């Protein structure tokens, strides 16, 4: 996904692009990003993950934060529902948009909201080369899961190589 990321982001609707950008910056799950209260956005903030209850320290660059605030004005949520600003956007809406982009770009990978979390892990692995640091950043209890996330790009590449070899044999 990392190579296609600029194309994917460009093809998403602006609201869903901002959701994915926050996921790529923080490693948060889509449900936690969508549930961010507008007034909680800051350069540094803590989120208690809905899945695990664990605290996760996050930060957003000023430009992205200002853009989110500008587009969520009048709502208590950073990512309001387009139908009801008193509610936040649904994870299904973000997922549907990603699937639309996957079809439009004819991507061979299974693109979903969790792909952004895996891309975050791959980026950290490339940056630090330390699986323990990546594990802590994702709040994983088990390093085995972290290895799968952090090596997602290599696993996808291997799968694509197998697919190409299989097509050549036909």
N, C-alpha and C. Protein backbone atom coordinates (compact mmCIF):
# COMPACT_ATOMS: atom_id res chain seq x y z
N UNK A 1 0.82 -1.20 0.00
CA UNK A 1 0.00 0.00 0.00
C UNK A 1 0.86 1.25 0.00
N UNK A 2 2.06 1.17 0.54
CA UNK A 2 2.87 2.37 0.70
C UNK A 2 3.17 3.07 -0.62
N UNK A 3 3.44 2.30 -1.68
CA UNK A 3 3.75 2.90 -2.98
C UNK A 3 2.52 3.60 -3.56
N UNK A 4 1.35 3.03 -3.36
CA UNK A 4 0.12 3.58 -3.92
C UNK A 4 -0.53 4.63 -3.02
N UNK A 5 0.05 4.87 -1.85
CA UNK A 5 -0.57 5.74 -0.86
C UNK A 5 -0.94 7.12 -1.40
N UNK A 6 -0.07 7.82 -2.12
CA UNK A 6 -0.48 9.13 -2.64
C UNK A 6 -1.70 9.05 -3.55
N UNK A 7 -1.77 8.03 -4.39
CA UNK A 7 -2.93 7.85 -5.27
C UNK A 7 -4.19 7.55 -4.47
N UNK A 8 -4.05 6.68 -3.49
CA UNK A 8 -5.20 6.30 -2.65
C UNK A 8 -5.74 7.53 -1.93
N UNK A 9 -4.86 8.29 -1.30
CA UNK A 9 -5.29 9.48 -0.57
C UNK A 9 -5.95 10.49 -1.50
N UNK A 10 -5.40 10.66 -2.69
CA UNK A 10 -5.97 11.62 -3.65
C UNK A 10 -7.36 11.20 -4.12
N UNK A 11 -7.61 9.89 -4.19
CA UNK A 11 -8.88 9.38 -4.70
C UNK A 11 -9.98 9.34 -3.64
N UNK A 12 -9.63 9.40 -2.36
CA UNK A 12 -10.63 9.38 -1.29
C UNK A 12 -11.38 10.70 -1.24
N UNK A 13 -12.58 10.67 -0.68
CA UNK A 13 -13.28 11.93 -0.43
C UNK A 13 -12.46 12.71 0.60
N UNK A 14 -12.53 14.04 0.58
CA UNK A 14 -11.71 14.82 1.51
C UNK A 14 -11.90 14.45 2.98
N UNK A 15 -13.15 14.21 3.39
CA UNK A 15 -13.40 13.87 4.80
C UNK A 15 -12.75 12.54 5.17
N UNK A 16 -12.89 11.54 4.31
CA UNK A 16 -12.30 10.23 4.59
C UNK A 16 -10.78 10.26 4.45
N UNK A 17 -10.27 11.12 3.58
CA UNK A 17 -8.81 11.27 3.46
C UNK A 17 -8.24 11.76 4.79
N UNK A 18 -8.91 12.72 5.42
CA UNK A 18 -8.43 13.22 6.72
C UNK A 18 -8.45 12.12 7.78
N UNK A 19 -9.47 11.27 7.77
CA UNK A 19 -9.53 10.15 8.72
C UNK A 19 -8.31 9.25 8.52
N UNK A 20 -8.03 8.87 7.28
CA UNK A 20 -6.90 7.99 6.99
C UNK A 20 -5.58 8.68 7.33
N UNK A 21 -5.48 9.97 7.07
CA UNK A 21 -4.25 10.69 7.41
C UNK A 21 -3.99 10.66 8.92
N UNK A 22 -5.04 10.78 9.73
CA UNK A 22 -4.87 10.69 11.19
C UNK A 22 -4.44 9.29 11.56
N UNK A 23 -5.03 8.28 10.94
CA UNK A 23 -4.63 6.90 11.22
C UNK A 23 -3.17 6.68 10.87
N UNK A 24 -2.73 7.21 9.74
CA UNK A 24 -1.34 7.05 9.30
C UNK A 24 -0.36 7.79 10.22
N UNK A 25 -0.81 8.87 10.84
CA UNK A 25 0.04 9.65 11.74
C UNK A 25 0.10 9.09 13.16
N UNK A 26 -0.98 8.39 13.55
CA UNK A 26 -1.09 7.98 14.96
C UNK A 26 -1.05 6.47 15.17
N UNK A 27 -1.45 5.69 14.15
CA UNK A 27 -1.57 4.25 14.32
C UNK A 27 -2.85 3.84 15.01
N UNK A 28 -3.76 4.78 15.24
CA UNK A 28 -5.03 4.46 15.88
C UNK A 28 -5.94 3.67 14.95
N UNK A 29 -6.82 2.89 15.53
CA UNK A 29 -7.84 2.18 14.76
C UNK A 29 -8.89 3.19 14.30
N UNK A 30 -9.59 2.84 13.22
CA UNK A 30 -10.56 3.77 12.64
C UNK A 30 -11.63 4.16 13.66
N UNK A 31 -12.10 3.23 14.46
CA UNK A 31 -13.15 3.55 15.44
C UNK A 31 -12.68 4.58 16.45
N UNK A 32 -11.40 4.52 16.83
CA UNK A 32 -10.86 5.49 17.79
C UNK A 32 -10.67 6.86 17.15
N UNK A 33 -10.29 6.89 15.88
CA UNK A 33 -10.13 8.17 15.18
C UNK A 33 -11.50 8.84 15.02
N UNK A 34 -12.49 8.08 14.59
CA UNK A 34 -13.81 8.65 14.35
C UNK A 34 -14.47 9.14 15.64
N UNK A 35 -14.12 8.55 16.76
CA UNK A 35 -14.71 8.94 18.04
C UNK A 35 -13.95 10.08 18.72
N UNK A 36 -12.99 10.68 18.01
CA UNK A 36 -12.25 11.80 18.61
C UNK A 36 -13.14 13.03 18.76
N UNK A 37 -13.27 13.52 19.97
CA UNK A 37 -14.00 14.78 20.15
C UNK A 37 -13.18 15.93 19.54
N UNK A 38 -13.87 16.87 18.96
CA UNK A 38 -13.20 18.00 18.31
C UNK A 38 -12.31 18.76 19.29
N UNK A 39 -12.78 18.92 20.53
CA UNK A 39 -12.01 19.70 21.51
C UNK A 39 -10.81 18.95 22.07
N UNK A 40 -10.66 17.69 21.73
CA UNK A 40 -9.52 16.90 22.22
C UNK A 40 -8.30 17.06 21.31
N UNK A 41 -8.53 17.50 20.07
CA UNK A 41 -7.42 17.65 19.13
C UNK A 41 -6.41 18.67 19.64
N UNK A 42 -5.18 18.25 19.69
CA UNK A 42 -4.09 19.12 20.14
C UNK A 42 -2.81 18.59 19.51
N UNK A 43 -1.75 19.33 19.70
CA UNK A 43 -0.47 18.86 19.17
C UNK A 43 -0.12 17.50 19.78
N UNK A 44 -0.40 17.33 21.07
CA UNK A 44 -0.22 16.05 21.77
C UNK A 44 -1.49 15.78 22.57
N UNK A 45 -1.98 14.54 22.50
CA UNK A 45 -3.18 14.17 23.25
C UNK A 45 -3.13 12.67 23.52
N UNK A 46 -3.97 12.23 24.45
CA UNK A 46 -4.04 10.81 24.79
C UNK A 46 -5.41 10.27 24.44
N UNK A 47 -5.41 9.08 23.83
CA UNK A 47 -6.65 8.40 23.48
C UNK A 47 -6.66 7.08 24.24
N UNK A 48 -7.81 6.74 24.82
CA UNK A 48 -7.96 5.42 25.43
C UNK A 48 -8.62 4.54 24.37
N UNK A 49 -7.86 3.56 23.90
CA UNK A 49 -8.33 2.71 22.81
C UNK A 49 -9.61 1.98 23.20
N UNK A 50 -10.60 2.01 22.31
CA UNK A 50 -11.88 1.37 22.62
C UNK A 50 -11.74 -0.15 22.68
N UNK A 51 -10.85 -0.72 21.90
CA UNK A 51 -10.69 -2.18 21.88
C UNK A 51 -10.00 -2.71 23.13
N UNK A 52 -8.97 -1.99 23.59
CA UNK A 52 -8.15 -2.50 24.69
C UNK A 52 -8.29 -1.71 25.98
N UNK A 53 -8.77 -0.47 25.89
CA UNK A 53 -8.84 0.40 27.06
C UNK A 53 -7.50 1.01 27.43
N UNK A 54 -6.46 0.70 26.64
CA UNK A 54 -5.12 1.21 26.94
C UNK A 54 -4.97 2.65 26.45
N UNK A 55 -4.19 3.44 27.21
CA UNK A 55 -3.92 4.80 26.74
C UNK A 55 -2.89 4.79 25.60
N UNK A 56 -3.08 5.68 24.65
CA UNK A 56 -2.13 5.82 23.55
C UNK A 56 -1.88 7.30 23.35
N UNK A 57 -0.61 7.69 23.45
CA UNK A 57 -0.24 9.10 23.24
C UNK A 57 -0.10 9.35 21.75
N UNK A 58 -0.72 10.43 21.30
CA UNK A 58 -0.75 10.75 19.87
C UNK A 58 -0.41 12.22 19.67
N UNK A 59 -0.13 12.53 18.44
CA UNK A 59 0.10 13.91 18.06
C UNK A 59 -0.27 14.11 16.61
N UNK A 60 -0.67 15.33 16.29
CA UNK A 60 -1.01 15.67 14.91
C UNK A 60 -0.30 16.96 14.52
N UNK A 61 0.16 17.02 13.28
CA UNK A 61 0.79 18.27 12.83
C UNK A 61 -0.25 19.40 12.77
N UNK A 62 0.22 20.61 12.95
CA UNK A 62 -0.67 21.77 13.01
C UNK A 62 -1.56 21.89 11.78
N UNK A 63 -1.00 21.66 10.59
CA UNK A 63 -1.78 21.82 9.36
C UNK A 63 -2.95 20.86 9.29
N UNK A 64 -2.72 19.60 9.61
CA UNK A 64 -3.79 18.59 9.57
C UNK A 64 -4.82 18.90 10.65
N UNK A 65 -4.36 19.26 11.82
CA UNK A 65 -5.28 19.59 12.91
C UNK A 65 -6.16 20.78 12.54
N UNK A 66 -5.57 21.81 11.94
CA UNK A 66 -6.34 23.00 11.54
C UNK A 66 -7.36 22.64 10.46
N UNK A 67 -6.99 21.78 9.54
CA UNK A 67 -7.90 21.35 8.48
C UNK A 67 -9.09 20.58 9.08
N UNK A 68 -8.80 19.69 10.02
CA UNK A 68 -9.88 18.93 10.67
C UNK A 68 -10.81 19.87 11.42
N UNK A 69 -10.25 20.82 12.15
CA UNK A 69 -11.06 21.77 12.91
C UNK A 69 -11.93 22.61 11.98
N UNK A 70 -11.39 23.02 10.86
CA UNK A 70 -12.12 23.84 9.89
C UNK A 70 -13.32 23.06 9.32
N UNK A 71 -13.13 21.77 9.06
CA UNK A 71 -14.18 20.97 8.44
C UNK A 71 -15.14 20.32 9.45
N UNK A 72 -14.87 20.51 10.73
CA UNK A 72 -15.77 19.93 11.74
C UNK A 72 -16.45 21.01 12.56
N UNK A 73 -16.35 22.24 12.10
CA UNK A 73 -16.95 23.35 12.82
C UNK A 73 -18.45 23.12 13.02
N UNK A 74 -18.92 23.38 14.23
CA UNK A 74 -20.34 23.20 14.52
C UNK A 74 -20.69 21.80 15.02
N UNK A 75 -19.70 20.94 15.13
CA UNK A 75 -19.94 19.59 15.61
C UNK A 75 -19.04 19.31 16.81
N UNK A 76 -19.48 18.48 17.73
CA UNK A 76 -18.60 18.10 18.84
C UNK A 76 -17.53 17.09 18.39
N UNK A 77 -17.67 16.54 17.18
CA UNK A 77 -16.78 15.49 16.70
C UNK A 77 -15.77 16.03 15.70
N UNK A 78 -14.58 15.46 15.73
CA UNK A 78 -13.56 15.83 14.75
C UNK A 78 -13.97 15.38 13.35
N UNK A 79 -14.74 14.28 13.28
CA UNK A 79 -15.20 13.74 12.00
C UNK A 79 -16.71 13.52 12.06
N UNK A 80 -17.47 14.61 11.89
CA UNK A 80 -18.92 14.49 12.02
C UNK A 80 -19.56 13.71 10.87
N UNK A 81 -20.69 13.13 11.15
CA UNK A 81 -21.49 12.47 10.12
C UNK A 81 -22.01 13.54 9.17
N UNK A 82 -22.00 13.28 7.87
CA UNK A 82 -22.53 14.29 6.94
C UNK A 82 -24.05 14.47 7.09
N UNK A 83 -24.72 13.47 7.66
CA UNK A 83 -26.18 13.53 7.82
C UNK A 83 -26.62 14.15 9.15
N UNK A 84 -25.76 14.04 10.16
CA UNK A 84 -26.13 14.53 11.49
C UNK A 84 -24.86 14.95 12.23
N UNK A 85 -24.57 16.26 12.26
CA UNK A 85 -23.33 16.73 12.90
C UNK A 85 -23.22 16.43 14.39
N UNK A 86 -24.32 15.99 15.00
CA UNK A 86 -24.27 15.62 16.42
C UNK A 86 -23.68 14.23 16.61
N UNK A 87 -23.56 13.49 15.49
CA UNK A 87 -22.99 12.13 15.53
C UNK A 87 -21.68 12.14 14.73
N UNK A 88 -20.82 11.17 15.04
CA UNK A 88 -19.58 11.10 14.26
C UNK A 88 -19.76 10.21 13.04
N UNK A 89 -18.88 10.38 12.09
CA UNK A 89 -18.87 9.59 10.84
C UNK A 89 -18.77 8.11 11.19
N UNK A 90 -19.31 7.25 10.35
CA UNK A 90 -19.26 5.81 10.63
C UNK A 90 -18.03 5.18 9.99
N UNK A 91 -17.56 4.12 10.61
CA UNK A 91 -16.40 3.41 10.05
C UNK A 91 -16.78 2.73 8.74
N UNK A 92 -18.05 2.38 8.59
CA UNK A 92 -18.52 1.77 7.34
C UNK A 92 -18.41 2.76 6.18
N UNK A 93 -18.67 4.03 6.44
CA UNK A 93 -18.56 5.05 5.39
C UNK A 93 -17.12 5.16 4.90
N UNK A 94 -16.17 5.11 5.82
CA UNK A 94 -14.75 5.18 5.45
C UNK A 94 -14.37 3.91 4.69
N UNK A 95 -14.81 2.76 5.17
CA UNK A 95 -14.50 1.48 4.52
C UNK A 95 -15.05 1.45 3.10
N UNK A 96 -16.31 1.89 2.92
CA UNK A 96 -16.92 1.90 1.58
C UNK A 96 -16.12 2.78 0.62
N UNK A 97 -15.66 3.91 1.11
CA UNK A 97 -14.87 4.81 0.26
C UNK A 97 -13.54 4.16 -0.12
N UNK A 98 -12.91 3.47 0.82
CA UNK A 98 -11.66 2.77 0.50
C UNK A 98 -11.90 1.67 -0.54
N UNK A 99 -12.99 0.95 -0.42
CA UNK A 99 -13.32 -0.09 -1.39
C UNK A 99 -13.59 0.51 -2.77
N UNK A 100 -14.24 1.67 -2.80
CA UNK A 100 -14.47 2.37 -4.07
C UNK A 100 -13.14 2.72 -4.73
N UNK A 101 -12.20 3.22 -3.93
CA UNK A 101 -10.88 3.58 -4.43
C UNK A 101 -10.13 2.33 -4.90
N UNK A 102 -10.23 1.26 -4.14
CA UNK A 102 -9.57 0.00 -4.53
C UNK A 102 -10.04 -0.45 -5.91
N UNK A 103 -11.35 -0.40 -6.12
CA UNK A 103 -11.89 -0.80 -7.44
C UNK A 103 -11.46 0.18 -8.53
N UNK A 104 -11.55 1.48 -8.24
CA UNK A 104 -11.22 2.50 -9.24
C UNK A 104 -9.76 2.42 -9.68
N UNK A 105 -8.87 2.15 -8.72
CA UNK A 105 -7.44 2.08 -9.04
C UNK A 105 -7.00 0.67 -9.43
N UNK A 106 -7.96 -0.28 -9.36
CA UNK A 106 -7.69 -1.69 -9.67
C UNK A 106 -6.49 -2.21 -8.88
N UNK A 107 -6.53 -1.95 -7.59
CA UNK A 107 -5.45 -2.38 -6.72
C UNK A 107 -5.54 -3.88 -6.46
N UNK A 108 -4.43 -4.60 -6.53
CA UNK A 108 -4.46 -6.04 -6.32
C UNK A 108 -4.53 -6.43 -4.84
N UNK A 109 -4.41 -5.46 -3.96
CA UNK A 109 -4.42 -5.75 -2.52
C UNK A 109 -5.82 -5.54 -1.95
N UNK A 110 -6.11 -6.17 -0.83
CA UNK A 110 -7.37 -5.98 -0.13
C UNK A 110 -7.24 -4.76 0.75
N UNK A 111 -7.80 -3.67 0.32
CA UNK A 111 -7.67 -2.40 1.01
C UNK A 111 -8.81 -2.23 2.00
N UNK A 112 -8.49 -1.90 3.23
CA UNK A 112 -9.50 -1.65 4.26
C UNK A 112 -8.97 -0.62 5.22
N UNK A 113 -9.78 -0.25 6.19
CA UNK A 113 -9.36 0.78 7.14
C UNK A 113 -8.15 0.34 7.96
N UNK A 114 -8.07 -0.95 8.25
CA UNK A 114 -6.95 -1.44 9.06
C UNK A 114 -5.63 -1.40 8.28
N UNK A 115 -5.71 -1.26 6.97
CA UNK A 115 -4.50 -1.14 6.14
C UNK A 115 -3.67 0.06 6.56
N UNK A 116 -4.34 1.13 7.00
CA UNK A 116 -3.61 2.33 7.44
C UNK A 116 -2.80 2.03 8.71
N UNK A 117 -3.34 1.25 9.61
CA UNK A 117 -2.61 0.88 10.83
C UNK A 117 -1.39 0.03 10.48
N UNK A 118 -1.55 -0.87 9.52
CA UNK A 118 -0.43 -1.70 9.09
C UNK A 118 0.63 -0.86 8.38
N UNK A 119 0.19 0.11 7.59
CA UNK A 119 1.12 1.01 6.91
C UNK A 119 1.91 1.81 7.94
N UNK A 120 1.25 2.24 9.00
CA UNK A 120 1.92 2.94 10.10
C UNK A 120 3.01 2.06 10.70
N UNK A 121 2.70 0.79 10.92
CA UNK A 121 3.67 -0.15 11.49
C UNK A 121 4.85 -0.36 10.55
N UNK A 122 4.58 -0.50 9.26
CA UNK A 122 5.65 -0.67 8.26
C UNK A 122 6.56 0.55 8.26
N UNK A 123 5.94 1.73 8.30
CA UNK A 123 6.72 2.97 8.32
C UNK A 123 7.64 3.03 9.55
N UNK A 124 7.08 2.69 10.72
CA UNK A 124 7.91 2.72 11.93
C UNK A 124 9.03 1.69 11.87
N UNK A 125 8.74 0.54 11.30
CA UNK A 125 9.77 -0.50 11.19
C UNK A 125 10.91 -0.03 10.29
N UNK A 126 10.56 0.62 9.18
CA UNK A 126 11.59 1.16 8.28
C UNK A 126 12.37 2.28 8.98
N UNK A 127 11.66 3.09 9.75
CA UNK A 127 12.29 4.24 10.41
C UNK A 127 13.22 3.81 11.55
N UNK A 128 12.77 2.86 12.38
CA UNK A 128 13.52 2.51 13.58
C UNK A 128 14.21 1.15 13.51
N UNK A 129 13.67 0.24 12.72
CA UNK A 129 14.26 -1.10 12.64
C UNK A 129 14.21 -1.86 13.96
N UNK A 130 13.25 -1.51 14.80
CA UNK A 130 13.16 -2.10 16.14
C UNK A 130 11.73 -2.57 16.39
N UNK A 131 11.51 -3.87 16.34
CA UNK A 131 10.15 -4.41 16.47
C UNK A 131 9.55 -4.10 17.83
N UNK A 132 10.36 -4.03 18.87
CA UNK A 132 9.85 -3.71 20.21
C UNK A 132 9.30 -2.28 20.25
N UNK A 133 9.98 -1.38 19.59
CA UNK A 133 9.50 0.01 19.54
C UNK A 133 8.17 0.09 18.77
N UNK A 134 8.06 -0.67 17.69
CA UNK A 134 6.83 -0.70 16.91
C UNK A 134 5.71 -1.32 17.75
N UNK A 135 6.02 -2.39 18.47
CA UNK A 135 5.03 -3.05 19.33
C UNK A 135 4.47 -2.07 20.35
N UNK A 136 5.34 -1.32 20.99
CA UNK A 136 4.89 -0.33 21.99
C UNK A 136 4.05 0.77 21.34
N UNK A 137 4.45 1.21 20.14
CA UNK A 137 3.71 2.28 19.45
C UNK A 137 2.29 1.84 19.09
N UNK A 138 2.12 0.55 18.80
CA UNK A 138 0.80 0.02 18.44
C UNK A 138 0.02 -0.48 19.67
N UNK A 139 0.65 -0.48 20.83
CA UNK A 139 0.03 -0.99 22.07
C UNK A 139 -0.30 -2.47 21.98
N UNK A 140 0.50 -3.22 21.23
CA UNK A 140 0.27 -4.66 21.14
C UNK A 140 0.84 -5.36 22.37
N UNK A 141 0.15 -6.39 22.85
CA UNK A 141 0.67 -7.22 23.93
C UNK A 141 1.64 -8.25 23.38
N UNK A 142 1.36 -8.71 22.17
CA UNK A 142 2.09 -9.82 21.58
C UNK A 142 2.94 -9.32 20.40
N UNK A 143 4.23 -9.54 20.47
CA UNK A 143 5.14 -9.10 19.40
C UNK A 143 4.90 -9.86 18.09
N UNK A 144 4.30 -11.03 18.16
CA UNK A 144 4.02 -11.81 16.94
C UNK A 144 3.08 -11.05 16.02
N UNK A 145 2.05 -10.46 16.59
CA UNK A 145 1.10 -9.67 15.79
C UNK A 145 1.82 -8.47 15.20
N UNK A 146 2.67 -7.84 15.98
CA UNK A 146 3.42 -6.68 15.50
C UNK A 146 4.30 -7.05 14.33
N UNK A 147 4.94 -8.20 14.38
CA UNK A 147 5.80 -8.65 13.28
C UNK A 147 4.98 -8.77 12.00
N UNK A 148 3.80 -9.33 12.10
CA UNK A 148 2.94 -9.47 10.92
C UNK A 148 2.59 -8.10 10.36
N UNK A 149 2.26 -7.15 11.21
CA UNK A 149 1.94 -5.79 10.76
C UNK A 149 3.17 -5.13 10.14
N UNK A 150 4.29 -5.18 10.86
CA UNK A 150 5.49 -4.47 10.43
C UNK A 150 6.10 -5.06 9.16
N UNK A 151 5.82 -6.31 8.90
CA UNK A 151 6.35 -6.96 7.69
C UNK A 151 5.29 -7.05 6.59
N UNK A 152 4.18 -6.34 6.74
CA UNK A 152 3.08 -6.43 5.78
C UNK A 152 3.52 -6.12 4.36
N UNK A 153 4.42 -5.16 4.21
CA UNK A 153 4.88 -4.82 2.86
C UNK A 153 5.65 -5.97 2.23
N UNK A 154 6.49 -6.64 3.01
CA UNK A 154 7.26 -7.77 2.48
C UNK A 154 6.33 -8.96 2.18
N UNK A 155 5.35 -9.19 3.04
CA UNK A 155 4.40 -10.28 2.81
C UNK A 155 3.59 -10.02 1.55
N UNK A 156 3.17 -8.78 1.34
CA UNK A 156 2.39 -8.44 0.14
C UNK A 156 3.26 -8.59 -1.11
N UNK A 157 4.51 -8.18 -1.01
CA UNK A 157 5.43 -8.31 -2.15
C UNK A 157 5.62 -9.78 -2.51
N UNK A 158 5.81 -10.62 -1.51
CA UNK A 158 5.98 -12.05 -1.75
C UNK A 158 4.73 -12.64 -2.39
N UNK A 159 3.56 -12.23 -1.92
CA UNK A 159 2.31 -12.72 -2.50
C UNK A 159 2.18 -12.29 -3.95
N UNK A 160 2.56 -11.06 -4.24
CA UNK A 160 2.50 -10.56 -5.62
C UNK A 160 3.49 -11.31 -6.49
N UNK A 161 4.68 -11.60 -5.99
CA UNK A 161 5.67 -12.38 -6.75
C UNK A 161 5.13 -13.78 -7.07
N UNK A 162 4.47 -14.41 -6.10
CA UNK A 162 3.88 -15.73 -6.33
C UNK A 162 2.79 -15.66 -7.39
N UNK A 163 1.98 -14.60 -7.35
CA UNK A 163 0.91 -14.42 -8.32
C UNK A 163 1.48 -14.27 -9.73
N UNK A 164 2.55 -13.49 -9.86
CA UNK A 164 3.20 -13.29 -11.17
C UNK A 164 3.77 -14.62 -11.68
N UNK A 165 4.44 -15.34 -10.80
CA UNK A 165 5.01 -16.64 -11.20
C UNK A 165 3.91 -17.60 -11.63
N UNK A 166 2.79 -17.61 -10.92
CA UNK A 166 1.69 -18.49 -11.24
C UNK A 166 1.13 -18.15 -12.63
N UNK A 167 1.00 -16.84 -12.91
CA UNK A 167 0.48 -16.41 -14.22
C UNK A 167 1.44 -16.82 -15.34
N UNK A 168 2.73 -16.76 -15.09
CA UNK A 168 3.72 -17.15 -16.11
C UNK A 168 3.62 -18.63 -16.45
N UNK A 169 3.30 -19.44 -15.46
CA UNK A 169 3.20 -20.89 -15.67
C UNK A 169 1.98 -21.27 -16.51
N UNK A 170 0.99 -20.46 -16.51
CA UNK A 170 -0.26 -20.76 -17.24
C UNK A 170 -0.13 -20.65 -18.68
